[in-house]
Amino acid sequence: RHNENTKKVVEFLTKHPKVAHVNHPSLPDHPDHALYEKYFPNGGASIFTFDIKGGQKEAFEFIDHLKIFSLLANVADVKSLVIHPATTTHAQLSPEELEDVGIHENTIRLSIGTEHSDDIIADLDQALNAVE
C-alpha cells in the first residue's frame, strides 16, 4: 500500500502548479532512477522530498494546513508524516551543507502512509491550495 500510494502522490505533486520540484527516484530525471528501476521493480521509496514554490513561509503554511499528515520526524510509519528538514532534522547544518544535500528553505519531506490514496491526495491538494 505504501508503494501504490507513493506512486499516486508523486504523480499528483509533479503536476501541481504550486510544486517547484519533486525529488523521488521513480522520476526519470532523478540521478538514481536507473538504480531505482533495478532494485525496486515493483516500486518503493515512500519517503521523499519536494520543494513547494516560494520559501520557508510557504512551506510552513502548507504544513500547517495538512489534516491527515502528522508533523513528526519519524519515517516509514503506517500514518502519513510531514516535516520541514531545514528547521528540524537538518537544522544543525550550515547553509552550504544544506545546499550540498539538496535541502532548501522550501523543501518538505513526506513519509507516505497506508491511508486511502484519495484521502492523502485530497489533503495535500487542499493544503497546497491554501498557500498564498
N, C-alpha and C. Protein backbone atom coordinates (compact mmCIF):
# COMPACT_ATOMS: atom_id res chain seq x y z
N ARG A 1 0.83 -1.20 0.00
CA ARG A 1 0.00 0.00 0.00
C ARG A 1 0.87 1.26 0.00
N HIS A 2 2.01 1.21 0.74
CA HIS A 2 2.93 2.36 0.72
C HIS A 2 3.34 2.69 -0.71
N ASN A 3 3.75 1.65 -1.46
CA ASN A 3 4.24 1.86 -2.82
C ASN A 3 3.16 2.40 -3.75
N GLU A 4 1.96 1.82 -3.66
CA GLU A 4 0.85 2.27 -4.51
C GLU A 4 0.52 3.74 -4.21
N ASN A 5 0.43 4.06 -2.92
CA ASN A 5 0.11 5.44 -2.53
C ASN A 5 1.20 6.41 -2.96
N THR A 6 2.45 6.01 -2.77
CA THR A 6 3.56 6.90 -3.13
C THR A 6 3.56 7.20 -4.61
N LYS A 7 3.34 6.20 -5.42
CA LYS A 7 3.31 6.41 -6.88
C LYS A 7 2.25 7.45 -7.25
N LYS A 8 1.08 7.34 -6.65
CA LYS A 8 -0.01 8.28 -6.95
C LYS A 8 0.31 9.68 -6.43
N VAL A 9 0.91 9.77 -5.25
CA VAL A 9 1.25 11.07 -4.67
C VAL A 9 2.32 11.76 -5.50
N VAL A 10 3.35 11.02 -5.90
CA VAL A 10 4.42 11.59 -6.72
C VAL A 10 3.84 12.12 -8.03
N GLU A 11 2.97 11.34 -8.66
CA GLU A 11 2.34 11.78 -9.91
C GLU A 11 1.53 13.06 -9.67
N PHE A 12 0.77 13.11 -8.59
CA PHE A 12 -0.03 14.29 -8.27
C PHE A 12 0.86 15.52 -8.06
N LEU A 13 1.91 15.36 -7.24
CA LEU A 13 2.77 16.50 -6.91
C LEU A 13 3.51 17.03 -8.13
N THR A 14 3.95 16.15 -9.02
CA THR A 14 4.70 16.61 -10.20
C THR A 14 3.85 17.48 -11.12
N LYS A 15 2.53 17.34 -11.01
CA LYS A 15 1.63 18.12 -11.87
C LYS A 15 1.03 19.34 -11.19
N HIS A 16 1.25 19.48 -9.88
CA HIS A 16 0.60 20.58 -9.16
C HIS A 16 1.33 21.90 -9.43
N PRO A 17 0.60 22.95 -9.75
CA PRO A 17 1.23 24.24 -10.08
C PRO A 17 1.97 24.91 -8.92
N LYS A 18 1.72 24.51 -7.67
CA LYS A 18 2.41 25.13 -6.54
C LYS A 18 3.63 24.33 -6.09
N VAL A 19 3.98 23.30 -6.85
CA VAL A 19 5.15 22.47 -6.54
C VAL A 19 6.26 22.80 -7.53
N ALA A 20 7.43 23.15 -7.00
CA ALA A 20 8.56 23.51 -7.85
C ALA A 20 9.34 22.29 -8.33
N HIS A 21 9.47 21.28 -7.46
CA HIS A 21 10.29 20.11 -7.80
C HIS A 21 9.93 18.95 -6.88
N VAL A 22 9.88 17.75 -7.45
CA VAL A 22 9.68 16.53 -6.67
C VAL A 22 10.96 15.71 -6.76
N ASN A 23 11.47 15.29 -5.62
CA ASN A 23 12.71 14.54 -5.55
C ASN A 23 12.40 13.08 -5.18
N HIS A 24 12.07 12.28 -6.18
CA HIS A 24 11.76 10.87 -5.98
C HIS A 24 12.45 10.05 -7.06
N PRO A 25 13.10 8.94 -6.69
CA PRO A 25 13.88 8.17 -7.66
C PRO A 25 13.06 7.49 -8.76
N SER A 26 11.75 7.46 -8.64
CA SER A 26 10.93 6.89 -9.71
C SER A 26 10.84 7.82 -10.92
N LEU A 27 11.19 9.08 -10.72
CA LEU A 27 11.10 10.06 -11.81
C LEU A 27 12.33 9.94 -12.72
N PRO A 28 12.11 9.96 -14.02
CA PRO A 28 13.22 9.75 -14.97
C PRO A 28 14.38 10.73 -14.83
N ASP A 29 14.14 11.96 -14.32
CA ASP A 29 15.23 12.94 -14.20
C ASP A 29 16.00 12.82 -12.89
N HIS A 30 15.61 11.88 -12.03
CA HIS A 30 16.32 11.69 -10.76
C HIS A 30 17.66 11.00 -11.03
N PRO A 31 18.76 11.44 -10.39
CA PRO A 31 20.08 10.85 -10.66
C PRO A 31 20.18 9.37 -10.32
N ASP A 32 19.32 8.85 -9.46
CA ASP A 32 19.35 7.43 -9.10
C ASP A 32 18.22 6.63 -9.73
N HIS A 33 17.63 7.15 -10.78
CA HIS A 33 16.49 6.49 -11.42
C HIS A 33 16.83 5.08 -11.91
N ALA A 34 17.97 4.89 -12.53
CA ALA A 34 18.34 3.56 -13.04
C ALA A 34 18.48 2.56 -11.89
N LEU A 35 19.08 2.98 -10.79
CA LEU A 35 19.21 2.10 -9.63
C LEU A 35 17.83 1.78 -9.04
N TYR A 36 16.97 2.76 -9.01
CA TYR A 36 15.61 2.56 -8.50
C TYR A 36 14.91 1.49 -9.33
N GLU A 37 14.99 1.61 -10.64
CA GLU A 37 14.34 0.62 -11.50
C GLU A 37 14.94 -0.77 -11.32
N LYS A 38 16.23 -0.84 -11.10
CA LYS A 38 16.91 -2.13 -10.92
C LYS A 38 16.52 -2.80 -9.61
N TYR A 39 16.56 -2.04 -8.52
CA TYR A 39 16.36 -2.62 -7.19
C TYR A 39 14.92 -2.57 -6.68
N PHE A 40 14.08 -1.74 -7.29
CA PHE A 40 12.69 -1.63 -6.87
C PHE A 40 11.75 -1.78 -8.07
N PRO A 41 11.79 -2.91 -8.74
CA PRO A 41 10.95 -3.07 -9.94
C PRO A 41 9.45 -2.96 -9.67
N ASN A 42 9.05 -3.18 -8.43
CA ASN A 42 7.63 -3.09 -8.06
C ASN A 42 7.31 -1.78 -7.33
N GLY A 43 8.23 -0.84 -7.36
CA GLY A 43 8.03 0.44 -6.70
C GLY A 43 8.62 0.44 -5.31
N GLY A 44 8.79 1.60 -4.75
CA GLY A 44 9.35 1.73 -3.42
C GLY A 44 9.63 3.17 -3.08
N ALA A 45 10.30 3.39 -1.99
CA ALA A 45 10.73 4.71 -1.54
C ALA A 45 9.53 5.59 -1.18
N SER A 46 8.86 5.24 -0.09
CA SER A 46 7.70 6.02 0.34
C SER A 46 8.09 7.28 1.10
N ILE A 47 9.39 7.50 1.29
CA ILE A 47 9.89 8.70 1.96
C ILE A 47 10.65 9.52 0.92
N PHE A 48 10.24 10.76 0.72
CA PHE A 48 10.87 11.60 -0.30
C PHE A 48 10.60 13.07 0.02
N THR A 49 11.24 13.93 -0.73
CA THR A 49 11.05 15.37 -0.54
C THR A 49 10.48 16.02 -1.80
N PHE A 50 9.92 17.18 -1.57
CA PHE A 50 9.54 18.04 -2.70
C PHE A 50 9.74 19.48 -2.26
N ASP A 51 9.89 20.36 -3.24
CA ASP A 51 10.04 21.79 -2.98
C ASP A 51 8.76 22.49 -3.41
N ILE A 52 8.17 23.19 -2.45
CA ILE A 52 6.99 23.98 -2.75
C ILE A 52 7.47 25.31 -3.35
N LYS A 53 6.69 25.89 -4.23
CA LYS A 53 7.06 27.20 -4.77
C LYS A 53 7.01 28.22 -3.63
N GLY A 54 8.03 29.04 -3.56
CA GLY A 54 8.13 30.04 -2.51
C GLY A 54 9.30 29.73 -1.60
N GLY A 55 9.12 29.98 -0.32
CA GLY A 55 10.20 29.78 0.64
C GLY A 55 9.71 29.12 1.90
N GLN A 56 10.37 29.41 3.00
CA GLN A 56 10.03 28.80 4.28
C GLN A 56 8.60 29.15 4.71
N LYS A 57 8.18 30.37 4.47
CA LYS A 57 6.82 30.80 4.83
C LYS A 57 5.79 29.90 4.17
N GLU A 58 5.96 29.65 2.88
CA GLU A 58 5.01 28.82 2.14
C GLU A 58 5.08 27.36 2.61
N ALA A 59 6.28 26.89 2.90
CA ALA A 59 6.44 25.52 3.40
C ALA A 59 5.70 25.36 4.73
N PHE A 60 5.89 26.31 5.64
CA PHE A 60 5.22 26.24 6.95
C PHE A 60 3.70 26.35 6.80
N GLU A 61 3.27 27.24 5.91
CA GLU A 61 1.84 27.42 5.68
C GLU A 61 1.22 26.12 5.16
N PHE A 62 1.90 25.48 4.23
CA PHE A 62 1.44 24.20 3.69
C PHE A 62 1.32 23.16 4.82
N ILE A 63 2.38 23.00 5.59
CA ILE A 63 2.39 22.02 6.68
C ILE A 63 1.28 22.30 7.67
N ASP A 64 1.07 23.57 8.00
CA ASP A 64 0.04 23.94 8.98
C ASP A 64 -1.38 23.61 8.50
N HIS A 65 -1.58 23.52 7.20
CA HIS A 65 -2.91 23.25 6.67
C HIS A 65 -3.20 21.76 6.48
N LEU A 66 -2.20 20.90 6.62
CA LEU A 66 -2.44 19.47 6.48
C LEU A 66 -3.31 18.95 7.60
N LYS A 67 -4.20 18.03 7.28
CA LYS A 67 -5.10 17.47 8.28
C LYS A 67 -4.81 15.99 8.56
N ILE A 68 -4.47 15.21 7.55
CA ILE A 68 -4.18 13.78 7.72
C ILE A 68 -2.74 13.58 8.17
N PHE A 69 -1.83 14.32 7.60
CA PHE A 69 -0.41 14.16 7.90
C PHE A 69 -0.08 14.65 9.31
N SER A 70 0.78 13.90 10.00
CA SER A 70 1.27 14.33 11.31
C SER A 70 2.66 14.93 11.16
N LEU A 71 2.92 15.99 11.89
CA LEU A 71 4.22 16.66 11.88
C LEU A 71 5.14 15.91 12.83
N LEU A 72 5.91 14.98 12.28
CA LEU A 72 6.80 14.13 13.07
C LEU A 72 8.08 13.83 12.29
N ALA A 73 9.17 13.60 13.01
CA ALA A 73 10.44 13.26 12.37
C ALA A 73 10.55 11.78 12.05
N ASN A 74 9.62 10.97 12.55
CA ASN A 74 9.65 9.53 12.26
C ASN A 74 9.53 9.32 10.76
N VAL A 75 9.84 8.11 10.32
CA VAL A 75 9.65 7.75 8.92
C VAL A 75 9.14 6.32 8.83
N ALA A 76 8.53 6.00 7.71
CA ALA A 76 8.06 4.64 7.39
C ALA A 76 7.01 4.14 8.37
N ASP A 77 6.14 5.01 8.82
CA ASP A 77 5.03 4.64 9.67
C ASP A 77 3.85 4.27 8.78
N VAL A 78 2.81 3.66 9.35
CA VAL A 78 1.61 3.41 8.55
C VAL A 78 0.81 4.70 8.36
N LYS A 79 1.09 5.70 9.16
CA LYS A 79 0.43 7.00 9.08
C LYS A 79 1.30 7.95 8.25
N SER A 80 0.69 8.76 7.44
CA SER A 80 1.43 9.73 6.64
C SER A 80 2.01 10.82 7.53
N LEU A 81 3.27 11.16 7.27
CA LEU A 81 4.01 12.11 8.09
C LEU A 81 4.62 13.21 7.22
N VAL A 82 4.86 14.36 7.83
CA VAL A 82 5.46 15.50 7.14
C VAL A 82 6.44 16.18 8.08
N ILE A 83 7.48 16.79 7.51
CA ILE A 83 8.42 17.57 8.31
C ILE A 83 9.13 18.58 7.41
N HIS A 84 9.63 19.64 8.03
CA HIS A 84 10.42 20.65 7.33
C HIS A 84 11.88 20.40 7.71
N PRO A 85 12.66 19.71 6.88
CA PRO A 85 14.01 19.29 7.26
C PRO A 85 14.97 20.42 7.62
N ALA A 86 14.89 21.56 6.94
CA ALA A 86 15.86 22.64 7.17
C ALA A 86 15.79 23.20 8.59
N THR A 87 14.62 23.10 9.23
CA THR A 87 14.48 23.65 10.57
C THR A 87 14.31 22.58 11.65
N THR A 88 14.42 21.31 11.24
CA THR A 88 14.24 20.22 12.22
C THR A 88 15.39 19.22 12.11
N THR A 89 15.20 18.20 11.31
CA THR A 89 16.16 17.09 11.22
C THR A 89 17.55 17.50 10.75
N HIS A 90 17.65 18.57 9.98
CA HIS A 90 18.93 19.02 9.43
C HIS A 90 19.29 20.43 9.89
N ALA A 91 18.68 20.89 10.96
CA ALA A 91 18.88 22.27 11.42
C ALA A 91 20.32 22.56 11.84
N GLN A 92 21.07 21.53 12.18
CA GLN A 92 22.46 21.73 12.62
C GLN A 92 23.42 22.00 11.46
N LEU A 93 22.96 21.82 10.23
CA LEU A 93 23.82 22.02 9.06
C LEU A 93 23.91 23.50 8.70
N SER A 94 25.05 23.87 8.14
CA SER A 94 25.23 25.24 7.64
C SER A 94 24.44 25.40 6.34
N PRO A 95 24.22 26.64 5.91
CA PRO A 95 23.54 26.85 4.62
C PRO A 95 24.23 26.13 3.46
N GLU A 96 25.55 26.10 3.48
CA GLU A 96 26.30 25.42 2.41
C GLU A 96 26.06 23.91 2.46
N GLU A 97 26.06 23.35 3.67
CA GLU A 97 25.83 21.91 3.82
C GLU A 97 24.40 21.54 3.42
N LEU A 98 23.45 22.38 3.76
CA LEU A 98 22.07 22.14 3.35
C LEU A 98 21.97 22.11 1.83
N GLU A 99 22.61 23.07 1.19
CA GLU A 99 22.61 23.12 -0.27
C GLU A 99 23.24 21.87 -0.86
N ASP A 100 24.34 21.42 -0.26
CA ASP A 100 25.05 20.22 -0.74
C ASP A 100 24.16 18.98 -0.70
N VAL A 101 23.27 18.90 0.29
CA VAL A 101 22.40 17.73 0.40
C VAL A 101 21.02 17.97 -0.22
N GLY A 102 20.84 19.11 -0.87
CA GLY A 102 19.61 19.38 -1.60
C GLY A 102 18.43 19.78 -0.75
N ILE A 103 18.70 20.34 0.42
CA ILE A 103 17.62 20.80 1.29
C ILE A 103 17.59 22.33 1.25
N HIS A 104 16.42 22.85 0.90
CA HIS A 104 16.23 24.29 0.79
C HIS A 104 15.19 24.75 1.80
N GLU A 105 15.00 26.05 1.89
CA GLU A 105 14.01 26.57 2.83
C GLU A 105 12.59 26.17 2.45
N ASN A 106 12.39 25.77 1.19
CA ASN A 106 11.06 25.37 0.72
C ASN A 106 10.92 23.85 0.55
N THR A 107 11.90 23.08 1.08
CA THR A 107 11.86 21.62 0.98
C THR A 107 10.99 21.03 2.09
N ILE A 108 10.15 20.09 1.69
CA ILE A 108 9.26 19.39 2.61
C ILE A 108 9.48 17.90 2.43
N ARG A 109 9.63 17.18 3.56
CA ARG A 109 9.78 15.72 3.48
C ARG A 109 8.46 15.06 3.84
N LEU A 110 8.06 14.11 3.00
CA LEU A 110 6.86 13.33 3.24
C LEU A 110 7.23 11.88 3.48
N SER A 111 6.50 11.22 4.34
CA SER A 111 6.54 9.78 4.52
C SER A 111 5.11 9.33 4.29
N ILE A 112 4.89 8.66 3.16
CA ILE A 112 3.53 8.31 2.75
C ILE A 112 3.07 7.05 3.47
N GLY A 113 1.89 7.15 4.08
CA GLY A 113 1.35 6.04 4.86
C GLY A 113 0.39 5.18 4.07
N THR A 114 -0.43 4.44 4.80
CA THR A 114 -1.32 3.47 4.18
C THR A 114 -2.79 3.92 4.16
N GLU A 115 -3.04 5.19 4.47
CA GLU A 115 -4.40 5.68 4.33
C GLU A 115 -4.83 5.55 2.86
N HIS A 116 -6.08 5.76 2.57
CA HIS A 116 -6.53 5.66 1.17
C HIS A 116 -5.85 6.78 0.37
N SER A 117 -5.36 6.43 -0.81
CA SER A 117 -4.63 7.41 -1.62
C SER A 117 -5.47 8.64 -1.96
N ASP A 118 -6.76 8.47 -2.16
CA ASP A 118 -7.62 9.62 -2.46
C ASP A 118 -7.63 10.61 -1.28
N ASP A 119 -7.63 10.07 -0.06
CA ASP A 119 -7.61 10.93 1.12
C ASP A 119 -6.28 11.66 1.27
N ILE A 120 -5.19 10.95 1.02
CA ILE A 120 -3.86 11.56 1.10
C ILE A 120 -3.74 12.70 0.09
N ILE A 121 -4.12 12.42 -1.14
CA ILE A 121 -4.01 13.42 -2.21
C ILE A 121 -4.95 14.60 -1.95
N ALA A 122 -6.14 14.33 -1.47
CA ALA A 122 -7.08 15.43 -1.16
C ALA A 122 -6.50 16.33 -0.07
N ASP A 123 -5.83 15.73 0.92
CA ASP A 123 -5.22 16.53 1.98
C ASP A 123 -4.08 17.38 1.43
N LEU A 124 -3.22 16.78 0.63
CA LEU A 124 -2.12 17.53 0.02
C LEU A 124 -2.66 18.66 -0.85
N ASP A 125 -3.68 18.36 -1.63
CA ASP A 125 -4.25 19.35 -2.54
C ASP A 125 -4.85 20.54 -1.78
N GLN A 126 -5.63 20.26 -0.74
CA GLN A 126 -6.24 21.37 -0.01
C GLN A 126 -5.18 22.21 0.70
N ALA A 127 -4.11 21.57 1.20
CA ALA A 127 -3.04 22.32 1.88
C ALA A 127 -2.25 23.16 0.88
N LEU A 128 -1.96 22.60 -0.30
CA LEU A 128 -1.25 23.36 -1.32
C LEU A 128 -2.10 24.55 -1.78
N ASN A 129 -3.38 24.32 -1.97
CA ASN A 129 -4.27 25.39 -2.43
C ASN A 129 -4.50 26.47 -1.38
N ALA A 130 -4.24 26.15 -0.11
CA ALA A 130 -4.38 27.13 0.96
C ALA A 130 -3.20 28.08 1.06
N VAL A 131 -2.08 27.71 0.42
CA VAL A 131 -0.87 28.53 0.47
C VAL A 131 -1.08 29.77 -0.39
N GLU A 132 -0.83 30.92 0.22
CA GLU A 132 -0.99 32.21 -0.50
C GLU A 132 0.21 32.50 -1.35
